[in-house]
N, C-alpha and C. Protein backbone atom coordinates (compact mmCIF):
# COMPACT_ATOMS: atom_id res chain seq x y z
N MET A 1 0.83 -1.18 0.00
CA MET A 1 0.00 0.00 0.00
C MET A 1 0.88 1.24 0.00
N ARG A 2 0.32 2.34 -0.34
CA ARG A 2 1.10 3.59 -0.42
C ARG A 2 1.44 4.12 0.97
N ASN A 3 2.58 4.80 1.03
CA ASN A 3 3.08 5.34 2.30
C ASN A 3 2.12 6.33 2.94
N ASN A 4 1.48 7.15 2.11
CA ASN A 4 0.65 8.22 2.65
C ASN A 4 -0.80 7.80 2.87
N PHE A 5 -1.10 6.52 2.69
CA PHE A 5 -2.45 6.02 2.93
C PHE A 5 -2.78 6.22 4.41
N LYS A 6 -3.99 6.60 4.71
CA LYS A 6 -4.37 6.89 6.09
C LYS A 6 -4.84 5.64 6.82
N ALA A 7 -4.39 5.51 8.06
CA ALA A 7 -4.81 4.42 8.94
C ALA A 7 -5.32 5.06 10.23
N TYR A 8 -6.36 4.49 10.79
CA TYR A 8 -6.96 5.01 12.01
C TYR A 8 -6.55 4.12 13.18
N LEU A 9 -6.05 4.77 14.26
CA LEU A 9 -5.68 4.04 15.47
C LEU A 9 -6.86 4.08 16.43
N PRO A 10 -7.63 3.00 16.54
CA PRO A 10 -8.84 3.03 17.36
C PRO A 10 -8.57 3.29 18.84
N ARG A 11 -7.47 2.79 19.37
CA ARG A 11 -7.17 2.96 20.80
C ARG A 11 -6.78 4.39 21.14
N LYS A 12 -6.14 5.07 20.19
CA LYS A 12 -5.72 6.45 20.42
C LYS A 12 -6.71 7.45 19.84
N GLY A 13 -7.60 6.97 18.99
CA GLY A 13 -8.59 7.85 18.39
C GLY A 13 -8.00 8.87 17.43
N LYS A 14 -6.93 8.49 16.72
CA LYS A 14 -6.35 9.45 15.77
C LYS A 14 -5.98 8.75 14.46
N GLU A 15 -5.83 9.58 13.44
CA GLU A 15 -5.48 9.08 12.11
C GLU A 15 -4.00 9.34 11.86
N ILE A 16 -3.34 8.37 11.22
CA ILE A 16 -1.91 8.49 10.92
C ILE A 16 -1.66 8.08 9.47
N LYS A 17 -0.46 8.41 8.98
CA LYS A 17 -0.02 7.85 7.71
C LYS A 17 0.39 6.40 7.97
N ALA A 18 0.17 5.52 7.01
CA ALA A 18 0.51 4.11 7.18
C ALA A 18 2.00 3.91 7.43
N SER A 19 2.83 4.83 6.98
CA SER A 19 4.28 4.71 7.16
C SER A 19 4.74 5.17 8.55
N TRP A 20 3.90 5.86 9.29
CA TRP A 20 4.29 6.44 10.58
C TRP A 20 4.94 5.45 11.54
N PRO A 21 4.39 4.23 11.73
CA PRO A 21 5.02 3.31 12.70
C PRO A 21 6.43 2.87 12.31
N PHE A 22 6.84 3.14 11.08
CA PHE A 22 8.12 2.63 10.59
C PHE A 22 9.14 3.73 10.33
N ASN A 23 8.84 4.95 10.78
CA ASN A 23 9.74 6.08 10.55
C ASN A 23 11.12 5.89 11.18
N ASP A 24 11.19 5.18 12.31
CA ASP A 24 12.46 5.01 13.01
C ASP A 24 13.32 3.88 12.46
N LEU A 25 12.82 3.13 11.51
CA LEU A 25 13.60 2.03 10.94
C LEU A 25 14.74 2.56 10.09
N LYS A 26 15.81 1.78 10.01
CA LYS A 26 16.91 2.11 9.11
C LYS A 26 16.60 1.50 7.75
N ALA A 27 17.26 1.99 6.72
CA ALA A 27 17.04 1.48 5.36
C ALA A 27 17.31 -0.03 5.33
N GLY A 28 16.36 -0.77 4.79
CA GLY A 28 16.47 -2.22 4.71
C GLY A 28 15.96 -2.96 5.94
N GLN A 29 15.63 -2.23 6.99
CA GLN A 29 15.15 -2.85 8.22
C GLN A 29 13.65 -3.06 8.15
N TYR A 30 13.17 -4.16 8.75
CA TYR A 30 11.76 -4.55 8.71
C TYR A 30 11.17 -4.47 10.12
N GLY A 31 9.91 -4.09 10.21
CA GLY A 31 9.23 -4.06 11.49
C GLY A 31 7.74 -4.25 11.32
N HIS A 32 7.05 -4.43 12.45
CA HIS A 32 5.59 -4.53 12.38
C HIS A 32 4.97 -3.79 13.57
N TYR A 33 3.77 -3.31 13.34
CA TYR A 33 3.02 -2.58 14.37
C TYR A 33 2.10 -3.59 15.04
N ASP A 34 2.28 -3.80 16.35
CA ASP A 34 1.58 -4.87 17.06
C ASP A 34 0.09 -4.65 17.26
N LYS A 35 -0.34 -3.42 17.25
CA LYS A 35 -1.75 -3.13 17.53
C LYS A 35 -2.55 -3.04 16.23
N THR A 36 -3.84 -3.31 16.35
CA THR A 36 -4.68 -3.24 15.15
C THR A 36 -4.91 -1.79 14.77
N VAL A 37 -5.05 -1.58 13.47
CA VAL A 37 -5.42 -0.28 12.92
C VAL A 37 -6.65 -0.50 12.06
N SER A 38 -7.31 0.58 11.73
CA SER A 38 -8.48 0.50 10.87
C SER A 38 -8.18 1.22 9.56
N ILE A 39 -8.36 0.51 8.45
CA ILE A 39 -8.19 1.09 7.13
C ILE A 39 -9.49 0.85 6.36
N ASN A 40 -10.14 1.93 5.99
CA ASN A 40 -11.44 1.84 5.30
C ASN A 40 -12.43 0.98 6.06
N GLY A 41 -12.42 1.08 7.39
CA GLY A 41 -13.35 0.35 8.22
C GLY A 41 -12.98 -1.10 8.50
N GLN A 42 -11.84 -1.56 8.00
CA GLN A 42 -11.39 -2.94 8.23
C GLN A 42 -10.24 -2.93 9.24
N TYR A 43 -10.37 -3.76 10.27
CA TYR A 43 -9.29 -3.87 11.24
C TYR A 43 -8.21 -4.79 10.69
N CYS A 44 -6.95 -4.34 10.81
CA CYS A 44 -5.83 -5.10 10.25
C CYS A 44 -4.54 -4.70 10.97
N TYR A 45 -3.46 -5.33 10.55
CA TYR A 45 -2.13 -5.03 11.09
C TYR A 45 -1.26 -4.45 9.98
N LEU A 46 -0.28 -3.65 10.38
CA LEU A 46 0.66 -3.08 9.43
C LEU A 46 2.06 -3.63 9.70
N SER A 47 2.74 -3.97 8.64
CA SER A 47 4.15 -4.34 8.69
C SER A 47 4.84 -3.51 7.63
N GLY A 48 6.12 -3.26 7.80
CA GLY A 48 6.77 -2.42 6.81
C GLY A 48 8.27 -2.52 6.81
N CYS A 49 8.83 -2.00 5.75
CA CYS A 49 10.28 -1.98 5.55
C CYS A 49 10.64 -0.62 4.98
N LYS A 50 11.68 -0.02 5.52
CA LYS A 50 12.17 1.24 4.96
C LYS A 50 13.08 0.90 3.79
N LEU A 51 12.78 1.45 2.63
CA LEU A 51 13.52 1.14 1.41
C LEU A 51 14.80 1.97 1.32
N GLN A 52 15.74 1.49 0.53
CA GLN A 52 17.02 2.18 0.36
C GLN A 52 16.84 3.58 -0.22
N LYS A 53 15.84 3.73 -1.08
CA LYS A 53 15.62 5.02 -1.74
C LYS A 53 14.83 6.00 -0.87
N GLY A 54 14.46 5.59 0.33
CA GLY A 54 13.79 6.50 1.23
C GLY A 54 12.31 6.28 1.41
N GLY A 55 11.67 5.51 0.56
CA GLY A 55 10.25 5.22 0.71
C GLY A 55 10.03 4.05 1.66
N PHE A 56 8.82 3.53 1.65
CA PHE A 56 8.47 2.41 2.51
C PHE A 56 7.75 1.35 1.70
N LEU A 57 7.90 0.09 2.13
CA LEU A 57 7.08 -1.00 1.64
C LEU A 57 6.14 -1.33 2.78
N ILE A 58 4.86 -1.08 2.60
CA ILE A 58 3.87 -1.30 3.65
C ILE A 58 3.05 -2.53 3.29
N ILE A 59 2.95 -3.47 4.24
CA ILE A 59 2.19 -4.70 4.04
C ILE A 59 1.03 -4.70 5.03
N VAL A 60 -0.17 -4.93 4.51
CA VAL A 60 -1.37 -5.01 5.34
C VAL A 60 -1.71 -6.48 5.51
N SER A 61 -1.95 -6.92 6.75
CA SER A 61 -2.33 -8.32 6.99
C SER A 61 -3.44 -8.37 8.02
N PHE A 62 -4.15 -9.48 8.02
CA PHE A 62 -5.27 -9.62 8.94
C PHE A 62 -4.93 -10.48 10.15
N ASN A 63 -3.76 -11.10 10.15
CA ASN A 63 -3.30 -11.84 11.32
C ASN A 63 -1.78 -12.00 11.24
N ARG A 64 -1.15 -12.34 12.32
CA ARG A 64 0.28 -12.61 12.44
C ARG A 64 1.16 -11.58 11.71
N PRO A 65 1.19 -10.34 12.17
CA PRO A 65 2.00 -9.33 11.48
C PRO A 65 3.49 -9.67 11.45
N GLU A 66 3.94 -10.46 12.44
CA GLU A 66 5.36 -10.83 12.48
C GLU A 66 5.73 -11.79 11.34
N GLU A 67 4.74 -12.43 10.72
CA GLU A 67 4.99 -13.35 9.60
C GLU A 67 4.67 -12.72 8.25
N ALA A 68 4.23 -11.48 8.25
CA ALA A 68 3.78 -10.84 7.01
C ALA A 68 4.90 -10.72 5.97
N GLN A 69 6.12 -10.44 6.41
CA GLN A 69 7.22 -10.28 5.45
C GLN A 69 7.50 -11.60 4.74
N ALA A 70 7.56 -12.70 5.48
CA ALA A 70 7.81 -14.01 4.86
C ALA A 70 6.67 -14.39 3.92
N ASP A 71 5.43 -14.12 4.34
CA ASP A 71 4.28 -14.41 3.49
C ASP A 71 4.33 -13.57 2.21
N TYR A 72 4.71 -12.30 2.36
CA TYR A 72 4.78 -11.42 1.19
C TYR A 72 5.88 -11.87 0.24
N ALA A 73 7.02 -12.32 0.78
CA ALA A 73 8.12 -12.80 -0.06
C ALA A 73 7.68 -14.02 -0.87
N GLU A 74 6.93 -14.91 -0.23
CA GLU A 74 6.42 -16.09 -0.94
C GLU A 74 5.42 -15.68 -2.01
N ARG A 75 4.55 -14.75 -1.67
CA ARG A 75 3.58 -14.25 -2.64
C ARG A 75 4.29 -13.59 -3.82
N TRP A 76 5.37 -12.87 -3.54
CA TRP A 76 6.12 -12.19 -4.59
C TRP A 76 6.72 -13.21 -5.56
N GLN A 77 7.20 -14.35 -5.03
CA GLN A 77 7.72 -15.41 -5.90
C GLN A 77 6.63 -15.91 -6.84
N ILE A 78 5.42 -16.06 -6.32
CA ILE A 78 4.30 -16.51 -7.15
C ILE A 78 3.97 -15.47 -8.21
N GLU A 79 4.00 -14.19 -7.82
CA GLU A 79 3.75 -13.11 -8.79
C GLU A 79 4.79 -13.14 -9.91
N MET A 80 6.05 -13.37 -9.55
CA MET A 80 7.10 -13.42 -10.55
C MET A 80 6.93 -14.63 -11.48
N CYS A 81 6.40 -15.72 -10.92
CA CYS A 81 6.10 -16.90 -11.75
C CYS A 81 5.04 -16.54 -12.78
N PHE A 82 3.98 -15.87 -12.35
CA PHE A 82 2.93 -15.46 -13.29
C PHE A 82 3.47 -14.47 -14.32
N LYS A 83 4.35 -13.58 -13.89
CA LYS A 83 4.94 -12.64 -14.84
C LYS A 83 5.74 -13.39 -15.91
N ALA A 84 6.48 -14.41 -15.47
CA ALA A 84 7.25 -15.22 -16.42
C ALA A 84 6.32 -15.95 -17.38
N MET A 85 5.19 -16.42 -16.87
CA MET A 85 4.23 -17.13 -17.73
C MET A 85 3.60 -16.18 -18.73
N LYS A 86 3.49 -14.92 -18.36
CA LYS A 86 2.79 -13.98 -19.22
C LYS A 86 3.76 -13.15 -20.04
N SER A 87 4.16 -12.02 -19.55
CA SER A 87 4.85 -11.03 -20.38
C SER A 87 6.34 -11.25 -20.57
N SER A 88 7.07 -11.74 -19.58
CA SER A 88 8.53 -11.75 -19.72
C SER A 88 9.11 -13.12 -20.06
N GLY A 89 8.30 -14.00 -20.56
CA GLY A 89 8.85 -15.30 -20.91
C GLY A 89 8.03 -16.04 -21.94
N PHE A 90 6.95 -16.65 -21.50
CA PHE A 90 6.20 -17.55 -22.36
C PHE A 90 5.05 -16.89 -23.11
N ASP A 91 4.65 -15.70 -22.73
CA ASP A 91 3.59 -14.96 -23.42
C ASP A 91 2.34 -15.81 -23.59
N ILE A 92 1.91 -16.46 -22.53
CA ILE A 92 0.81 -17.42 -22.55
C ILE A 92 -0.52 -16.78 -22.95
N GLU A 93 -0.68 -15.49 -22.68
CA GLU A 93 -1.95 -14.82 -23.01
C GLU A 93 -2.19 -14.73 -24.51
N ARG A 94 -1.14 -14.77 -25.27
CA ARG A 94 -1.24 -14.59 -26.71
C ARG A 94 -1.92 -15.78 -27.41
N THR A 95 -2.03 -16.91 -26.73
CA THR A 95 -2.60 -18.10 -27.35
C THR A 95 -4.08 -17.94 -27.67
N ARG A 96 -4.78 -17.13 -26.89
CA ARG A 96 -6.21 -16.89 -27.04
C ARG A 96 -7.03 -18.19 -26.92
N LEU A 97 -6.54 -19.13 -26.14
CA LEU A 97 -7.28 -20.37 -25.92
C LEU A 97 -8.51 -20.10 -25.07
N SER A 98 -9.58 -20.84 -25.35
CA SER A 98 -10.78 -20.71 -24.52
C SER A 98 -11.25 -22.06 -24.00
N ASP A 99 -10.79 -23.16 -24.59
CA ASP A 99 -11.16 -24.49 -24.14
C ASP A 99 -10.40 -24.80 -22.84
N LEU A 100 -11.14 -25.04 -21.77
CA LEU A 100 -10.55 -25.22 -20.44
C LEU A 100 -9.55 -26.38 -20.40
N GLU A 101 -9.87 -27.47 -21.06
CA GLU A 101 -8.96 -28.63 -21.05
C GLU A 101 -7.63 -28.28 -21.72
N ARG A 102 -7.68 -27.55 -22.80
CA ARG A 102 -6.44 -27.15 -23.48
C ARG A 102 -5.65 -26.15 -22.64
N ILE A 103 -6.36 -25.25 -21.99
CA ILE A 103 -5.68 -24.27 -21.12
C ILE A 103 -4.96 -25.00 -19.98
N GLU A 104 -5.64 -25.99 -19.37
CA GLU A 104 -5.03 -26.76 -18.29
C GLU A 104 -3.75 -27.45 -18.75
N LYS A 105 -3.79 -28.06 -19.93
CA LYS A 105 -2.61 -28.75 -20.46
C LYS A 105 -1.49 -27.75 -20.76
N LEU A 106 -1.85 -26.61 -21.33
CA LEU A 106 -0.85 -25.59 -21.63
C LEU A 106 -0.19 -25.07 -20.36
N VAL A 107 -1.00 -24.79 -19.34
CA VAL A 107 -0.45 -24.28 -18.07
C VAL A 107 0.47 -25.33 -17.44
N LEU A 108 0.09 -26.60 -17.51
CA LEU A 108 0.94 -27.67 -16.99
C LEU A 108 2.30 -27.69 -17.70
N LEU A 109 2.28 -27.63 -19.02
CA LEU A 109 3.53 -27.63 -19.78
C LEU A 109 4.37 -26.38 -19.49
N VAL A 110 3.71 -25.24 -19.39
CA VAL A 110 4.42 -24.00 -19.11
C VAL A 110 5.04 -24.04 -17.71
N MET A 111 4.34 -24.62 -16.74
CA MET A 111 4.90 -24.71 -15.39
C MET A 111 6.12 -25.63 -15.36
N ILE A 112 6.07 -26.73 -16.11
CA ILE A 112 7.25 -27.60 -16.20
C ILE A 112 8.41 -26.83 -16.83
N ALA A 113 8.12 -26.10 -17.90
CA ALA A 113 9.16 -25.31 -18.56
C ALA A 113 9.69 -24.22 -17.62
N PHE A 114 8.80 -23.61 -16.83
CA PHE A 114 9.22 -22.57 -15.89
C PHE A 114 10.20 -23.14 -14.87
N VAL A 115 9.84 -24.28 -14.28
CA VAL A 115 10.72 -24.90 -13.28
C VAL A 115 12.05 -25.30 -13.91
N TRP A 116 12.00 -25.79 -15.13
CA TRP A 116 13.22 -26.16 -15.86
C TRP A 116 14.12 -24.93 -16.02
N CYS A 117 13.56 -23.84 -16.50
CA CYS A 117 14.33 -22.60 -16.68
C CYS A 117 14.90 -22.11 -15.36
N TYR A 118 14.09 -22.15 -14.32
CA TYR A 118 14.49 -21.67 -13.01
C TYR A 118 15.66 -22.50 -12.48
N LYS A 119 15.55 -23.85 -12.60
CA LYS A 119 16.62 -24.72 -12.11
C LYS A 119 17.91 -24.53 -12.90
N VAL A 120 17.81 -24.37 -14.21
CA VAL A 120 19.00 -24.11 -15.02
C VAL A 120 19.61 -22.77 -14.62
N GLY A 121 18.76 -21.76 -14.40
CA GLY A 121 19.24 -20.44 -13.98
C GLY A 121 19.97 -20.49 -12.65
N ILE A 122 19.43 -21.24 -11.70
CA ILE A 122 20.08 -21.40 -10.39
C ILE A 122 21.45 -22.06 -10.57
N TYR A 123 21.49 -23.13 -11.36
CA TYR A 123 22.75 -23.84 -11.59
C TYR A 123 23.79 -22.92 -12.23
N LEU A 124 23.38 -22.20 -13.26
CA LEU A 124 24.32 -21.29 -13.94
C LEU A 124 24.83 -20.22 -12.99
N HIS A 125 23.92 -19.68 -12.18
CA HIS A 125 24.29 -18.61 -11.24
C HIS A 125 25.28 -19.12 -10.19
N GLN A 126 25.05 -20.34 -9.70
CA GLN A 126 25.90 -20.86 -8.63
C GLN A 126 27.20 -21.49 -9.13
N ASN A 127 27.20 -22.04 -10.36
CA ASN A 127 28.34 -22.84 -10.80
C ASN A 127 29.08 -22.33 -12.02
N VAL A 128 28.47 -21.48 -12.83
CA VAL A 128 29.11 -21.06 -14.07
C VAL A 128 29.50 -19.59 -14.03
N ASN A 129 28.50 -18.73 -14.00
CA ASN A 129 28.76 -17.30 -14.03
C ASN A 129 27.66 -16.58 -13.23
N PRO A 130 27.97 -16.08 -12.05
CA PRO A 130 26.95 -15.41 -11.24
C PRO A 130 26.35 -14.21 -11.97
N ILE A 131 25.06 -13.99 -11.75
CA ILE A 131 24.38 -12.83 -12.32
C ILE A 131 24.91 -11.59 -11.62
N LYS A 132 25.22 -10.57 -12.39
CA LYS A 132 25.74 -9.32 -11.81
C LYS A 132 24.65 -8.64 -10.98
N ILE A 133 25.09 -8.00 -9.92
CA ILE A 133 24.20 -7.23 -9.06
C ILE A 133 24.32 -5.77 -9.48
N LYS A 134 23.18 -5.14 -9.74
CA LYS A 134 23.18 -3.73 -10.14
C LYS A 134 23.35 -2.83 -8.92
N LYS A 135 23.49 -1.54 -9.18
CA LYS A 135 23.72 -0.56 -8.10
C LYS A 135 22.58 -0.54 -7.09
N HIS A 136 21.36 -0.80 -7.52
CA HIS A 136 20.22 -0.76 -6.60
C HIS A 136 20.11 -2.03 -5.76
N GLY A 137 21.04 -2.98 -5.96
CA GLY A 137 21.09 -4.17 -5.12
C GLY A 137 20.35 -5.38 -5.67
N ARG A 138 19.71 -5.25 -6.81
CA ARG A 138 18.99 -6.38 -7.40
C ARG A 138 19.80 -6.97 -8.55
N ARG A 139 19.47 -8.21 -8.88
CA ARG A 139 20.16 -8.87 -9.99
C ARG A 139 19.83 -8.20 -11.31
N ALA A 140 20.78 -8.27 -12.25
CA ALA A 140 20.59 -7.69 -13.57
C ALA A 140 19.48 -8.40 -14.34
N ARG A 141 19.29 -9.69 -14.06
CA ARG A 141 18.18 -10.45 -14.63
C ARG A 141 17.79 -11.54 -13.65
N THR A 142 16.60 -12.08 -13.84
CA THR A 142 16.11 -13.09 -12.90
C THR A 142 16.75 -14.44 -13.20
N LEU A 143 16.69 -15.33 -12.21
CA LEU A 143 17.18 -16.69 -12.41
C LEU A 143 16.40 -17.37 -13.53
N PHE A 144 15.10 -17.11 -13.57
CA PHE A 144 14.26 -17.68 -14.64
C PHE A 144 14.76 -17.23 -16.00
N LYS A 145 14.96 -15.94 -16.18
CA LYS A 145 15.37 -15.40 -17.47
C LYS A 145 16.77 -15.90 -17.86
N TYR A 146 17.65 -16.04 -16.89
CA TYR A 146 18.99 -16.57 -17.12
C TYR A 146 18.89 -17.99 -17.68
N GLY A 147 18.06 -18.82 -17.03
CA GLY A 147 17.87 -20.19 -17.49
C GLY A 147 17.18 -20.26 -18.83
N LEU A 148 16.14 -19.44 -19.02
CA LEU A 148 15.41 -19.41 -20.29
C LEU A 148 16.34 -19.05 -21.44
N ASP A 149 17.14 -18.02 -21.25
CA ASP A 149 18.07 -17.59 -22.30
C ASP A 149 19.08 -18.70 -22.63
N HIS A 150 19.55 -19.40 -21.60
CA HIS A 150 20.53 -20.46 -21.84
C HIS A 150 19.89 -21.64 -22.57
N ILE A 151 18.70 -22.05 -22.15
CA ILE A 151 18.01 -23.16 -22.82
C ILE A 151 17.71 -22.79 -24.27
N ALA A 152 17.22 -21.58 -24.50
CA ALA A 152 16.94 -21.13 -25.87
C ALA A 152 18.21 -21.14 -26.71
N ASN A 153 19.31 -20.69 -26.13
CA ASN A 153 20.59 -20.68 -26.84
C ASN A 153 21.02 -22.11 -27.20
N CYS A 154 20.85 -23.05 -26.27
CA CYS A 154 21.21 -24.44 -26.54
C CYS A 154 20.34 -25.04 -27.64
N LEU A 155 19.05 -24.76 -27.60
CA LEU A 155 18.14 -25.33 -28.59
C LEU A 155 18.31 -24.70 -29.97
N LEU A 156 18.58 -23.41 -30.01
CA LEU A 156 18.71 -22.71 -31.29
C LEU A 156 20.10 -22.87 -31.91
N ASN A 157 21.08 -23.18 -31.10
CA ASN A 157 22.45 -23.36 -31.58
C ASN A 157 22.92 -24.76 -31.23
N ALA A 158 22.24 -25.75 -31.75
CA ALA A 158 22.49 -27.15 -31.38
C ALA A 158 23.90 -27.60 -31.72
N LEU A 159 24.53 -26.99 -32.70
CA LEU A 159 25.88 -27.41 -33.09
C LEU A 159 26.93 -26.94 -32.10
N ARG A 160 26.64 -25.85 -31.39
CA ARG A 160 27.57 -25.37 -30.35
C ARG A 160 27.41 -26.23 -29.11
N THR A 161 28.47 -26.80 -28.65
CA THR A 161 28.37 -27.66 -27.47
C THR A 161 28.64 -26.86 -26.20
N THR A 162 27.96 -27.27 -25.15
CA THR A 162 28.22 -26.68 -23.83
C THR A 162 28.54 -27.82 -22.88
N ASN A 163 29.11 -27.51 -21.76
CA ASN A 163 29.46 -28.52 -20.76
C ASN A 163 28.27 -28.92 -19.91
N ILE A 164 27.15 -28.29 -20.13
CA ILE A 164 25.98 -28.53 -19.29
C ILE A 164 24.92 -29.28 -20.09
N ASP A 165 24.48 -30.41 -19.55
CA ASP A 165 23.38 -31.15 -20.16
C ASP A 165 22.08 -30.58 -19.59
N ILE A 166 21.42 -29.74 -20.35
CA ILE A 166 20.23 -29.06 -19.83
C ILE A 166 19.08 -30.02 -19.57
N THR A 167 19.11 -31.21 -20.19
CA THR A 167 18.02 -32.17 -19.97
C THR A 167 18.12 -32.83 -18.60
N GLN A 168 19.29 -32.80 -17.96
CA GLN A 168 19.43 -33.42 -16.63
C GLN A 168 18.53 -32.73 -15.60
N PHE A 169 18.19 -31.48 -15.84
CA PHE A 169 17.35 -30.74 -14.89
C PHE A 169 15.89 -31.16 -14.96
N LEU A 170 15.53 -31.93 -16.00
CA LEU A 170 14.16 -32.42 -16.13
C LEU A 170 13.95 -33.73 -15.38
N SER A 171 15.04 -34.35 -14.93
CA SER A 171 14.97 -35.63 -14.25
C SER A 171 14.55 -35.46 -12.80
N CYS A 172 13.76 -36.39 -12.32
CA CYS A 172 13.34 -36.37 -10.91
C CYS A 172 14.28 -37.19 -10.04
N THR A 173 15.28 -37.81 -10.65
CA THR A 173 16.18 -38.67 -9.87
C THR A 173 17.48 -37.97 -9.57
C-alpha cells in the first residue's frame, strides 16, 4: 500500500499515515506494528520496511504481522512466476485459448518449462557465471530469465556444445 495512505488508530482515536510506525527504521530494516489499525473500516495489522531510496514497503495483513514479510516474499515469488508465464517469458496470453482442457494442459507444460528454466538459472548462477548485481542491489536479470536464455541458446544453436546437459534438470532422480 502507499506510504501516505491513512490508517486510524482506534485505541488512540487518531489518524496516521501508514508509514508512521516505521519512521524510526533504518534502510532495509523490517518491522511490524503490534496493535490493530483500521483502514477503510477494516481492522488489520501493518508491517513495513524502509527502502534504500527513502520510501516504505507497507504490508497489510489480517493476522500474524510478524509473519507478514515471509508471506509477502512467498507471494512475490508466485507473482514473478505469473509474470514469467505472461509477459517476460512464455507470453501465454497470446494463445487466445478458450477451451478449459487445453488451457489446463498448456499451463501444466508452461509450469514444467518454468521450473526447468528456473533450475537451469540457479545452476548457472551458482556454478558457471553469477548474475551481476546492479547498483540498486537487485540482480541484472532473474534466475528464470537466465535459465530461459541459456536453454533457448542451446536449442537454437544445437551445433555449439556446452558442458551442461540441460536435460538433466528435467529428471526427478
